[in-house]
Protein backbone atom coordinates (compact mmCIF):
# COMPACT_ATOMS: atom_id res chain seq x y z
CA MET A 1 0.00 -0.08 0.09
CA ILE A 2 1.43 3.81 -0.82
CA ARG A 3 -0.08 6.86 0.46
CA GLY A 4 0.16 10.13 -1.08
CA LYS A 5 -1.53 13.21 -2.18
CA VAL A 6 -3.50 14.22 -5.25
CA ILE A 7 -1.52 16.65 -7.30
CA SER A 8 -4.33 16.09 -10.31
CA VAL A 9 -6.71 13.81 -11.91
CA VAL A 10 -7.86 13.25 -15.46
CA GLN A 11 -11.48 12.55 -16.61
CA GLY A 12 -12.31 9.40 -18.43
CA VAL A 13 -14.01 6.24 -18.87
CA ILE A 14 -11.81 5.21 -15.76
CA GLN A 15 -10.16 8.57 -14.62
CA ARG A 16 -6.40 8.48 -14.13
CA ILE A 17 -4.59 10.25 -11.32
CA ASN A 18 -1.57 11.89 -10.36
CA ALA A 19 0.15 12.25 -7.10
CA ALA A 20 3.21 12.72 -4.56
CA VAL A 21 3.62 10.03 -2.32
CA TRP A 22 4.73 10.33 1.24
CA GLY A 23 8.90 11.05 1.24
CA ASP A 24 10.11 12.36 -2.32
CA GLY A 25 8.38 11.31 -5.35
CA THR A 26 5.24 11.02 -7.75
CA ILE A 27 3.33 8.37 -9.11
CA GLU A 28 1.78 9.67 -12.34
CA ASN A 29 -1.05 8.73 -14.92
CA ARG A 30 -2.61 5.76 -12.87
CA GLU A 31 -5.73 4.41 -12.93
CA PHE A 32 -8.09 5.18 -10.27
CA LEU A 33 -10.83 2.44 -9.73
CA GLN A 34 -14.40 3.31 -7.69
CA HIS A 35 -17.14 1.42 -6.86
CA TYR A 36 -20.00 0.94 -9.23
CA GLY A 37 -22.79 3.17 -9.18
CA TYR A 38 -20.64 5.62 -7.61
CA THR A 39 -17.73 8.33 -9.05
CA SER A 40 -16.26 11.27 -7.38
CA ARG A 41 -13.11 13.53 -8.95
CA PRO A 42 -10.95 14.63 -5.67
CA LYS A 43 -9.37 17.79 -5.68
CA ALA A 44 -5.76 18.21 -5.21
CA GLY A 45 -4.70 17.96 -1.62
CA ALA A 46 -6.80 15.49 -1.17
CA GLU A 47 -5.64 11.82 0.28
CA VAL A 48 -5.38 9.31 -1.98
CA VAL A 49 -4.05 5.02 -1.53
CA PHE A 50 -2.57 2.66 -3.83
CA ILE A 51 -1.97 -0.55 -4.23
CA ARG A 52 0.52 -2.89 -6.07
CA GLN A 53 0.60 -5.27 -7.51
CA GLY A 54 3.84 -6.81 -9.22
CA ASN A 55 5.13 -3.52 -11.72
CA SER A 56 1.18 -2.52 -11.74
CA ILE A 57 -0.10 0.75 -9.32
CA ILE A 58 -3.77 1.74 -9.38
CA ALA A 59 -5.30 4.14 -6.81
CA ILE A 60 -7.95 2.39 -4.89
CA ALA A 61 -9.38 5.24 -2.68
CA SER A 62 -9.41 8.85 -1.55
CA ASP A 63 -10.49 11.18 0.93
CA ASP A 64 -10.16 14.83 2.02
CA ARG A 65 -10.66 15.63 5.50
CA ARG A 66 -10.87 19.63 4.31
CA TYR A 67 -14.45 18.92 3.47
CA ARG A 68 -15.57 15.01 4.92
CA ILE A 69 -18.42 16.18 7.36
CA SER A 70 -19.11 15.10 10.76
CA LEU A 71 -21.54 11.74 11.11
CA GLU A 72 -23.26 9.64 13.94
CA ASN A 73 -22.67 5.95 14.23
CA GLY A 74 -24.26 4.32 11.61
CA GLU A 75 -24.92 7.46 9.53
CA VAL A 76 -23.50 8.01 5.55
CA ALA A 77 -23.09 11.06 3.58
CA LEU A 78 -22.17 12.24 -0.07
CA TYR A 79 -20.68 15.79 0.07
CA THR A 80 -18.69 18.14 -1.94
CA ASP A 81 -15.96 20.74 -1.12
CA GLU A 82 -18.85 23.79 -1.75
CA GLY A 83 -20.79 22.24 1.35
CA ASP A 84 -23.68 20.47 -0.74
CA LYS A 85 -24.62 17.28 0.94
CA ILE A 86 -27.17 14.09 1.14
CA HIS A 87 -26.96 12.97 4.61
CA LEU A 88 -28.38 9.82 6.10
CA LYS A 89 -28.90 10.55 9.49
CA ARG A 90 -29.99 8.61 12.60
CA ASP A 91 -33.63 8.47 13.33
CA ARG A 92 -34.41 7.81 9.29
CA ILE A 93 -34.11 11.36 8.72
CA ILE A 94 -32.51 12.23 5.09
CA GLU A 95 -30.94 15.76 4.73
CA ILE A 96 -30.49 17.20 1.33
CA LEU A 97 -28.69 19.97 1.15
CA GLY A 98 -27.80 22.00 -2.60
CA GLY A 99 -26.83 25.83 -1.82
CA GLU A 100 -28.49 27.13 -5.35
CA LYS A 101 -30.78 24.89 -7.00
CA ILE A 102 -31.76 21.11 -6.82
CA ILE A 103 -32.73 19.42 -9.62
CA ALA A 104 -35.04 16.58 -10.37
CA SER A 105 -35.88 14.98 -13.91
CA THR A 106 -37.95 12.04 -14.54
CA LYS A 107 -41.28 10.72 -16.60
CA VAL A 108 -43.28 10.18 -13.26
CA ALA A 109 -42.71 11.65 -9.76
CA GLU A 110 -44.47 10.73 -6.94
CA ILE A 111 -43.76 12.03 -3.13
CA ASN A 112 -45.83 10.10 -0.31
CA ALA A 113 -46.17 11.46 3.05
CA SER A 114 -48.01 9.71 5.55
CA VAL A 115 -48.61 12.57 8.34
CA SER A 116 -47.88 15.94 6.69
CA ALA A 117 -45.82 17.81 3.60
CA THR A 118 -44.27 20.93 3.87
CA ILE A 119 -43.29 23.19 1.09
CA THR A 120 -41.79 26.68 2.78
CA SER A 121 -40.58 29.42 0.55
CA PRO A 122 -39.35 33.26 1.81
CA THR A 123 -41.91 35.76 2.19
CA VAL A 124 -42.28 38.16 -0.89
CA ASP A 125 -40.76 41.23 1.45
CA VAL A 126 -37.10 39.10 1.26
CA VAL A 127 -37.26 39.26 -2.40
CA ALA A 128 -39.76 40.03 -5.27
CA SER A 129 -39.88 37.23 -7.25
CA THR A 130 -40.04 35.02 -4.44
CA LYS A 131 -42.95 32.20 -4.99
CA VAL A 132 -43.87 28.48 -5.55
CA THR A 133 -44.63 27.85 -9.49
CA LEU A 134 -46.93 24.96 -10.14
CA THR A 135 -46.40 24.55 -13.95
CA ALA A 136 -49.00 22.06 -15.43
CA PRO A 137 -52.03 21.97 -17.64
CA GLU A 138 -54.13 20.92 -15.39
CA THR A 139 -53.60 20.63 -11.39
CA GLU A 140 -55.99 18.52 -9.27
CA ILE A 141 -56.55 18.97 -5.36
CA THR A 142 -58.75 16.26 -4.25
CA GLY A 143 -58.96 17.75 -0.25
CA ASN A 144 -59.86 21.17 0.85
CA VAL A 145 -58.15 24.42 0.29
CA GLN A 146 -57.11 27.59 2.63
CA VAL A 147 -55.59 30.77 1.15
CA GLY A 148 -54.40 32.82 3.91
CA GLY A 149 -54.02 35.63 1.52
CA ALA A 150 -55.40 37.17 -1.75
CA MET A 151 -56.29 34.89 -4.64
CA ALA A 152 -56.01 36.40 -7.98
CA VAL A 153 -57.42 33.86 -10.94
CA ALA A 154 -56.99 34.53 -14.40
CA GLY A 155 -59.73 32.26 -15.99
CA ALA A 156 -63.09 31.24 -15.04
CA LEU A 157 -63.66 30.05 -11.44
CA SER A 158 -66.23 26.82 -11.33
CA SER A 159 -68.07 25.96 -7.91
CA ALA A 160 -70.62 22.91 -7.98
CA THR A 161 -73.26 24.92 -5.76
CA SER A 162 -73.25 28.13 -8.16
CA VAL A 163 -77.13 29.00 -9.62
CA ALA A 164 -78.33 28.77 -13.15
CA ASP A 165 -75.33 27.87 -14.94
CA PRO A 166 -74.56 24.34 -15.29
CA ASN A 167 -70.89 24.97 -15.69
CA GLY A 168 -70.95 27.02 -12.25
CA THR A 169 -68.83 29.92 -13.07
CA MET A 170 -68.33 32.91 -11.43
CA GLN A 171 -68.88 34.95 -14.68
CA ALA A 172 -72.47 33.11 -14.78
CA MET A 173 -73.33 34.00 -11.42
CA ARG A 174 -72.15 37.82 -12.00
CA GLY A 175 -74.39 37.26 -15.10
CA VAL A 176 -77.38 36.58 -12.99
CA HIS A 177 -77.16 39.18 -10.55
CA ASN A 178 -76.32 42.12 -12.87
CA GLY A 179 -79.25 41.26 -15.01
CA HIS A 180 -81.79 40.75 -12.87
CA THR A 181 -84.54 43.42 -12.19
CA HIS A 182 -87.74 43.88 -9.89
CA PRO A 183 -90.65 46.68 -9.70
CA GLU A 184 -89.60 50.13 -8.94
CA ASN A 185 -90.54 51.01 -5.42
CA GLY A 186 -92.65 47.81 -5.42
CA THR A 187 -95.48 49.52 -6.71
CA GLY A 188 -95.98 46.35 -9.39
CA GLY A 189 -96.84 48.39 -12.10
CA GLY A 190 -94.77 46.72 -14.32
CA ILE A 191 -91.45 49.03 -13.93
CA THR A 192 -88.30 47.47 -13.11
CA ASP A 193 -84.80 48.33 -12.25
CA PRO A 194 -81.68 46.80 -12.66
CA PRO A 195 -79.42 46.43 -9.18
CA THR A 196 -77.75 49.79 -8.14
CA GLU A 197 -74.42 47.71 -7.29
CA GLN A 198 -72.95 45.82 -10.10
CA MET A 199 -71.18 42.40 -9.24
């Protein structure tokens, strides 16, 4: 076994590594084998371990104590030098931290929470453009909805309990109200007035 410090890593189908070894000397252009399904590219200054088999020297492991995060017994984590991490913590908690952005792309996505689900975004007082956006041709909510602030609707707003229109739109309700008349002054003489205030 030979220990050293990374000088540089060349990306490729198999990474190749250059390192300074303990004492005087370097190991250059050696394969860096990694576990299936996992890959990393260590930074210069990271520690690396080589094994020798005959005349062949291969890097098999690397570590970087400068950026490694602290773990409790039994925990597992992926981390970077920039502070991003996926941390499998105790008590079956998984913490994902992306300093700038987290992107998930797939055909079908499901989130199943047996107790509750929360999405938190800063208030508009912090950043004027801050908001939560759902972009879809149709969004369905199967339960009740409570809105703590104002609601703006660009299109028609329908209600199953609306009157006078099978589609139950708010516009239809306005039409019924704005178009109705009643006898002037209650005289019953056939003269009618529209409502004094329109919806």
